[in-house]
C-alpha atoms as a PDB file:
ATOM      1  CA  MET A   1     -17.536  18.256  16.857  1.00  0.00           C
ATOM      2  CA  SER A   2     -19.082  18.943  20.281  1.00  0.00           C
ATOM      3  CA  HIS A   3     -18.391  16.540  23.108  1.00  0.00           C
ATOM      4  CA  LEU A   4     -20.404  15.864  26.209  1.00  0.00           C
ATOM      5  CA  PHE A   5     -17.645  15.799  28.808  1.00  0.00           C
ATOM      6  CA  SER A   6     -14.479  17.657  29.719  1.00  0.00           C
ATOM      7  CA  TYR A   7     -11.708  15.837  31.564  1.00  0.00           C
ATOM      8  CA  ASP A   8      -8.091  16.684  32.281  1.00  0.00           C
ATOM      9  CA  PHE A   9      -7.093  13.505  30.458  1.00  0.00           C
ATOM     10  CA  ARG A  10      -9.134  14.222  27.335  1.00  0.00           C
ATOM     11  CA  TYR A  11      -7.405  13.308  24.068  1.00  0.00           C
ATOM     12  CA  ASP A  12      -5.783  16.296  22.344  1.00  0.00           C
ATOM     13  CA  ASP A  13      -5.414  15.957  18.571  1.00  0.00           C
ATOM     14  CA  ASN A  14      -3.400  19.200  18.439  1.00  0.00           C
ATOM     15  CA  GLY A  15      -5.815  20.637  15.893  1.00  0.00           C
ATOM     16  CA  TYR A  16      -5.372  17.766  13.425  1.00  0.00           C
ATOM     17  CA  GLU A  17      -8.714  16.005  13.450  1.00  0.00           C
ATOM     18  CA  THR A  18      -8.622  12.542  11.866  1.00  0.00           C
ATOM     19  CA  GLN A  19     -10.987   9.598  11.753  1.00  0.00           C
ATOM     20  CA  THR A  20      -8.898   8.063  14.549  1.00  0.00           C
ATOM     21  CA  SER A  21      -9.103  11.166  16.753  1.00  0.00           C
ATOM     22  CA  GLN A  22     -12.863  11.358  16.151  1.00  0.00           C
ATOM     23  CA  LYS A  23     -13.242   7.703  17.200  1.00  0.00           C
ATOM     24  CA  GLN A  24     -11.100   8.358  20.275  1.00  0.00           C
ATOM     25  CA  LEU A  25     -13.397  11.177  21.369  1.00  0.00           C
ATOM     26  CA  GLU A  26     -16.484   9.037  20.714  1.00  0.00           C
ATOM     27  CA  VAL A  27     -15.045   6.337  22.969  1.00  0.00           C
ATOM     28  CA  GLU A  28     -14.296   8.920  25.661  1.00  0.00           C
ATOM     29  CA  ASP A  29     -17.882  10.199  25.457  1.00  0.00           C
ATOM     30  CA  SER A  30     -19.331   6.683  25.770  1.00  0.00           C
ATOM     31  CA  ILE A  31     -17.101   5.921  28.755  1.00  0.00           C
ATOM     32  CA  GLY A  32     -18.000   9.299  30.257  1.00  0.00           C
ATOM     33  CA  GLU A  33     -21.699   8.462  30.052  1.00  0.00           C
ATOM     34  CA  ILE A  34     -21.138   5.189  31.903  1.00  0.00           C
ATOM     35  CA  TYR A  35     -18.905   6.877  34.460  1.00  0.00           C
ATOM     36  CA  LEU A  36     -21.430   9.636  35.119  1.00  0.00           C
ATOM     37  CA  SER A  37     -24.184   7.069  35.629  1.00  0.00           C
ATOM     38  CA  LEU A  38     -22.146   5.668  38.519  1.00  0.00           C
ATOM     39  CA  VAL A  39     -21.152   8.967  40.136  1.00  0.00           C
ATOM     40  CA  ASP A  40     -23.104  10.812  42.784  1.00  0.00           C
ATOM     41  CA  PRO A  41     -24.117  14.183  41.220  1.00  0.00           C
ATOM     42  CA  ASP A  42     -23.183  15.912  44.480  1.00  0.00           C
ATOM     43  CA  THR A  43     -19.506  15.045  43.860  1.00  0.00           C
ATOM     44  CA  MET A  44     -19.419  16.922  40.546  1.00  0.00           C
ATOM     45  CA  HIS A  45     -17.753  20.312  40.293  1.00  0.00           C
ATOM     46  CA  HIS A  46     -18.962  23.254  38.239  1.00  0.00           C
ATOM     47  CA  GLY A  47     -18.359  22.721  34.514  1.00  0.00           C
ATOM     48  CA  GLY A  48     -18.855  18.964  34.548  1.00  0.00           C
ATOM     49  CA  ASP A  49     -15.543  18.006  36.159  1.00  0.00           C
ATOM     50  CA  ILE A  50     -15.826  15.028  38.474  1.00  0.00           C
ATOM     51  CA  ASP A  51     -14.356  14.853  41.963  1.00  0.00           C
ATOM     52  CA  ASP A  52     -13.322  11.229  42.101  1.00  0.00           C
ATOM     53  CA  SER A  53     -11.395  11.574  45.365  1.00  0.00           C
ATOM     54  CA  LYS A  54     -13.946   9.258  47.026  1.00  0.00           C
ATOM     55  CA  HIS A  55     -13.160   6.425  44.602  1.00  0.00           C
ATOM     56  CA  LYS A  56     -10.576   3.842  45.597  1.00  0.00           C
ATOM     57  CA  LEU A  57      -8.348   1.669  43.499  1.00  0.00           C
ATOM     58  CA  LEU A  58      -8.804  -1.847  44.851  1.00  0.00           C
ATOM     59  CA  ARG A  59      -5.200  -2.863  44.266  1.00  0.00           C
ATOM     60  CA  SER A  60      -5.454  -6.373  45.688  1.00  0.00           C
ATOM     61  CA  LYS A  61      -8.455  -7.176  43.475  1.00  0.00           C
ATOM     62  CA  HIS A  62      -6.675  -5.824  40.393  1.00  0.00           C
ATOM     63  CA  GLU A  63      -3.571  -7.822  41.272  1.00  0.00           C
ATOM     64  CA  GLN A  64      -5.647 -10.971  41.771  1.00  0.00           C
ATOM     65  CA  PHE A  65      -7.388 -10.423  38.416  1.00  0.00           C
ATOM     66  CA  MET A  66      -4.047 -10.027  36.605  1.00  0.00           C
ATOM     67  CA  HIS A  67      -2.650 -13.201  38.169  1.00  0.00           C
ATOM     68  CA  THR A  68      -5.824 -15.088  37.261  1.00  0.00           C
ATOM     69  CA  ALA A  69      -5.626 -13.861  33.649  1.00  0.00           C
ATOM     70  CA  LEU A  70      -1.952 -14.840  33.432  1.00  0.00           C
ATOM     71  CA  GLY A  71      -2.873 -18.322  34.633  1.00  0.00           C
ATOM     72  CA  GLY A  72      -5.113 -18.863  31.625  1.00  0.00           C
ATOM     73  CA  LEU A  73      -8.209 -17.281  30.228  1.00  0.00           C
ATOM     74  CA  PRO A  74     -11.680 -18.864  30.089  1.00  0.00           C
ATOM     75  CA  SER A  75     -12.733 -20.778  26.973  1.00  0.00           C
ATOM     76  CA  GLY A  76     -14.718 -17.744  25.773  1.00  0.00           C
ATOM     77  CA  PHE A  77     -11.404 -16.100  24.939  1.00  0.00           C
ATOM     78  CA  VAL A  78     -10.377 -18.770  22.406  1.00  0.00           C
ATOM     79  CA  ALA A  79     -10.932 -16.277  19.571  1.00  0.00           C
ATOM     80  CA  LEU A  80      -8.122 -14.191  21.071  1.00  0.00           C
ATOM     81  CA  ASP A  81      -5.554 -16.993  20.880  1.00  0.00           C
ATOM     82  CA  ALA A  82      -3.348 -14.856  18.610  1.00  0.00           C
ATOM     83  CA  SER A  83      -3.084 -12.283  21.413  1.00  0.00           C
ATOM     84  CA  GLN A  84      -1.164 -14.396  23.915  1.00  0.00           C
ATOM     85  CA  PRO A  85       1.925 -12.138  23.967  1.00  0.00           C
ATOM     86  CA  TRP A  86      -0.354  -9.120  24.367  1.00  0.00           C
ATOM     87  CA  PHE A  87      -2.178 -10.635  27.343  1.00  0.00           C
ATOM     88  CA  SER A  88       1.194 -11.302  28.951  1.00  0.00           C
ATOM     89  CA  LEU A  89       2.321  -7.732  28.316  1.00  0.00           C
ATOM     90  CA  TRP A  90      -0.928  -6.110  29.462  1.00  0.00           C
ATOM     91  CA  CYS A  91      -1.131  -8.124  32.664  1.00  0.00           C
ATOM     92  CA  LEU A  92       2.567  -7.844  33.529  1.00  0.00           C
ATOM     93  CA  ASN A  93       2.533  -4.119  32.815  1.00  0.00           C
ATOM     94  CA  SER A  94      -0.546  -3.698  35.022  1.00  0.00           C
ATOM     95  CA  LEU A  95       1.227  -5.542  37.837  1.00  0.00           C
ATOM     96  CA  ASP A  96       4.290  -3.339  37.335  1.00  0.00           C
ATOM     97  CA  ILE A  97       2.196  -0.150  37.412  1.00  0.00           C
ATOM     98  CA  LEU A  98       0.536  -1.365  40.620  1.00  0.00           C
ATOM     99  CA  GLY A  99       3.993  -1.924  42.117  1.00  0.00           C
ATOM    100  CA  CYS A 100       3.470  -5.679  42.481  1.00  0.00           C
ATOM    101  CA  GLU A 101       6.381  -8.059  42.555  1.00  0.00           C
ATOM    102  CA  ILE A 102       6.763 -10.489  39.688  1.00  0.00           C
ATOM    103  CA  ASP A 103       7.679 -13.590  41.663  1.00  0.00           C
ATOM    104  CA  SER A 104       9.829 -16.479  40.447  1.00  0.00           C
ATOM    105  CA  LEU A 105       6.819 -18.669  39.551  1.00  0.00           C
ATOM    106  CA  LEU A 106       5.255 -15.962  37.354  1.00  0.00           C
ATOM    107  CA  ARG A 107       8.659 -15.211  35.813  1.00  0.00           C
ATOM    108  CA  ARG A 108       9.128 -18.926  35.000  1.00  0.00           C
ATOM    109  CA  ARG A 109       5.611 -19.284  33.504  1.00  0.00           C
ATOM    110  CA  THR A 110       6.117 -16.167  31.366  1.00  0.00           C
ATOM    111  CA  ILE A 111       9.483 -17.380  30.083  1.00  0.00           C
ATOM    112  CA  ASP A 112       8.052 -20.839  29.310  1.00  0.00           C
ATOM    113  CA  THR A 113       5.014 -19.396  27.521  1.00  0.00           C
ATOM    114  CA  LEU A 114       6.989 -16.948  25.411  1.00  0.00           C
ATOM    115  CA  THR A 115       9.648 -19.561  24.592  1.00  0.00           C
ATOM    116  CA  ARG A 116       6.914 -21.745  23.062  1.00  0.00           C
ATOM    117  CA  LEU A 117       5.654 -18.769  21.040  1.00  0.00           C
ATOM    118  CA  GLN A 118       9.038 -17.966  19.483  1.00  0.00           C
ATOM    119  CA  SER A 119       9.246 -19.057  15.869  1.00  0.00           C
ATOM    120  CA  PRO A 120      12.350 -20.975  14.734  1.00  0.00           C
ATOM    121  CA  SER A 121      12.454 -18.556  11.772  1.00  0.00           C
ATOM    122  CA  GLY A 122      12.618 -15.569  14.166  1.00  0.00           C
ATOM    123  CA  GLY A 123      10.006 -13.380  15.777  1.00  0.00           C
ATOM    124  CA  PHE A 124       7.212 -14.416  18.100  1.00  0.00           C
ATOM    125  CA  CYS A 125       3.854 -15.852  17.167  1.00  0.00           C
ATOM    126  CA  GLY A 126       0.588 -14.747  18.718  1.00  0.00           C
ATOM    127  CA  GLY A 127      -0.324 -18.353  19.479  1.00  0.00           C
ATOM    128  CA  ASN A 128       0.848 -21.900  18.876  1.00  0.00           C
ATOM    129  CA  LYS A 129       1.478 -22.881  15.235  1.00  0.00           C
ATOM    130  CA  GLN A 130       0.865 -19.336  13.979  1.00  0.00           C
ATOM    131  CA  LEU A 131       3.027 -17.081  11.827  1.00  0.00           C
ATOM    132  CA  PRO A 132       5.481 -14.808  13.615  1.00  0.00           C
ATOM    133  CA  HIS A 133       4.034 -11.301  13.731  1.00  0.00           C
ATOM    134  CA  LEU A 134       5.670  -7.943  14.386  1.00  0.00           C
ATOM    135  CA  ALA A 135       3.013  -6.876  16.887  1.00  0.00           C
ATOM    136  CA  GLY A 136       3.203 -10.175  18.773  1.00  0.00           C
ATOM    137  CA  SER A 137       6.998  -9.936  18.717  1.00  0.00           C
ATOM    138  CA  PHE A 138       6.864  -6.419  20.141  1.00  0.00           C
ATOM    139  CA  ALA A 139       4.531  -7.545  22.924  1.00  0.00           C
ATOM    140  CA  ALA A 140       6.644 -10.632  23.689  1.00  0.00           C
ATOM    141  CA  VAL A 141       9.864  -8.610  23.940  1.00  0.00           C
ATOM    142  CA  MET A 142       8.192  -6.022  26.189  1.00  0.00           C
ATOM    143  CA  ALA A 143       6.840  -8.811  28.431  1.00  0.00           C
ATOM    144  CA  ILE A 144      10.347 -10.283  28.598  1.00  0.00           C
ATOM    145  CA  VAL A 145      11.700  -6.887  29.626  1.00  0.00           C
ATOM    146  CA  LEU A 146       9.068  -6.662  32.368  1.00  0.00           C
ATOM    147  CA  VAL A 147       9.989 -10.032  33.896  1.00  0.00           C
ATOM    148  CA  GLY A 148      13.649  -9.141  33.416  1.00  0.00           C
ATOM    149  CA  GLY A 149      16.797 -11.068  34.124  1.00  0.00           C
ATOM    150  CA  ASP A 150      19.361 -12.841  31.974  1.00  0.00           C
ATOM    151  CA  GLU A 151      17.308 -16.035  31.720  1.00  0.00           C
ATOM    152  CA  ALA A 152      14.399 -14.100  30.211  1.00  0.00           C
ATOM    153  CA  TYR A 153      16.560 -12.038  27.864  1.00  0.00           C
ATOM    154  CA  GLN A 154      18.385 -15.133  26.616  1.00  0.00           C
ATOM    155  CA  ILE A 155      15.230 -16.751  25.233  1.00  0.00           C
ATOM    156  CA  ILE A 156      15.238 -14.231  22.374  1.00  0.00           C
ATOM    157  CA  ASP A 157      17.063 -15.723  19.414  1.00  0.00           C
ATOM    158  CA  ARG A 158      18.527 -12.388  18.368  1.00  0.00           C
ATOM    159  CA  ASP A 159      20.151 -13.643  15.150  1.00  0.00           C
ATOM    160  CA  ALA A 160      16.922 -15.296  13.974  1.00  0.00           C
ATOM    161  CA  MET A 161      14.933 -12.225  15.052  1.00  0.00           C
ATOM    162  CA  TYR A 162      17.186  -9.941  13.024  1.00  0.00           C
ATOM    163  CA  GLN A 163      17.048 -12.183   9.945  1.00  0.00           C
ATOM    164  CA  TRP A 164      13.251 -12.393  10.224  1.00  0.00           C
ATOM    165  CA  LEU A 165      12.932  -8.619  10.646  1.00  0.00           C
ATOM    166  CA  MET A 166      14.965  -8.121   7.478  1.00  0.00           C
ATOM    167  CA  THR A 167      12.550 -10.395   5.575  1.00  0.00           C
ATOM    168  CA  MET A 168       9.671  -8.235   6.818  1.00  0.00           C
ATOM    169  CA  LYS A 169      11.367  -5.020   5.664  1.00  0.00           C
ATOM    170  CA  ARG A 170      10.211  -3.658   2.319  1.00  0.00           C
ATOM    171  CA  PRO A 171      12.361  -1.678  -0.146  1.00  0.00           C
ATOM    172  CA  ASP A 172      10.628   1.592   0.847  1.00  0.00           C
ATOM    173  CA  GLY A 173      11.615   1.091   4.515  1.00  0.00           C
ATOM    174  CA  SER A 174       8.183  -0.011   5.703  1.00  0.00           C
ATOM    175  CA  PHE A 175       7.565  -3.433   7.261  1.00  0.00           C
ATOM    176  CA  PHE A 176       5.089  -6.222   6.687  1.00  0.00           C
ATOM    177  CA  MET A 177       3.390  -7.165   9.975  1.00  0.00           C
ATOM    178  CA  HIS A 178       3.837 -10.828   8.995  1.00  0.00           C
ATOM    179  CA  THR A 179       4.868 -12.684   5.849  1.00  0.00           C
ATOM    180  CA  ASP A 180       2.956 -11.087   2.963  1.00  0.00           C
ATOM    181  CA  GLY A 181       0.734  -9.352   5.530  1.00  0.00           C
ATOM    182  CA  GLU A 182      -0.522  -5.827   5.973  1.00  0.00           C
ATOM    183  CA  VAL A 183       1.812  -2.836   5.913  1.00  0.00           C
ATOM    184  CA  ASP A 184       1.162   0.141   8.182  1.00  0.00           C
ATOM    185  CA  VAL A 185       2.953   2.394  10.637  1.00  0.00           C
ATOM    186  CA  ARG A 186       2.786  -0.256  13.388  1.00  0.00           C
ATOM    187  CA  GLY A 187       5.386  -2.257  11.484  1.00  0.00           C
ATOM    188  CA  ILE A 188       8.097   0.360  11.865  1.00  0.00           C
ATOM    189  CA  TYR A 189       7.193   0.996  15.495  1.00  0.00           C
ATOM    190  CA  CYS A 190       7.239  -2.711  16.386  1.00  0.00           C
ATOM    191  CA  ALA A 191      10.426  -3.404  14.425  1.00  0.00           C
ATOM    192  CA  MET A 192      12.307  -0.568  16.066  1.00  0.00           C
END
């Protein structure tokens, strides 16, 4: 399969091409096309590499966007209600990568949000009144780790989480993602 662009960050499937690796390269090509449409051709090096040294990361705008998203998403995002722990993780992780402080107000809001998403039967739900889900539980725990501190760690009902995880475990060692749900490699990753 020939690809249009060559980047240092290009996905390497180590010689094991799969449908997933093919899709990854297709996504990289489509992003590359958009990127090239925005780049001055004079900044390109021989061989198609791009000199992006003139581009700036607008840290304050990214930080503002993450804080806005953590404050609540527009109504158009209602279909993504089951992704609440993921939005917390993605935004908090972005703030962490940018070196931004997670202040006491954001820490409190995160703890309150994730507390409401914890199921009494163990695990975390993606949204209110939903089933606990391994992926949502993974994201919730990672978000808790990012805000840190004893108060955050203590919201995890570890006994209930363990009991719930054991109900998700199948005899062959794999895990359901939720009660009677799909079984795939994510289950083991999220459970661990």
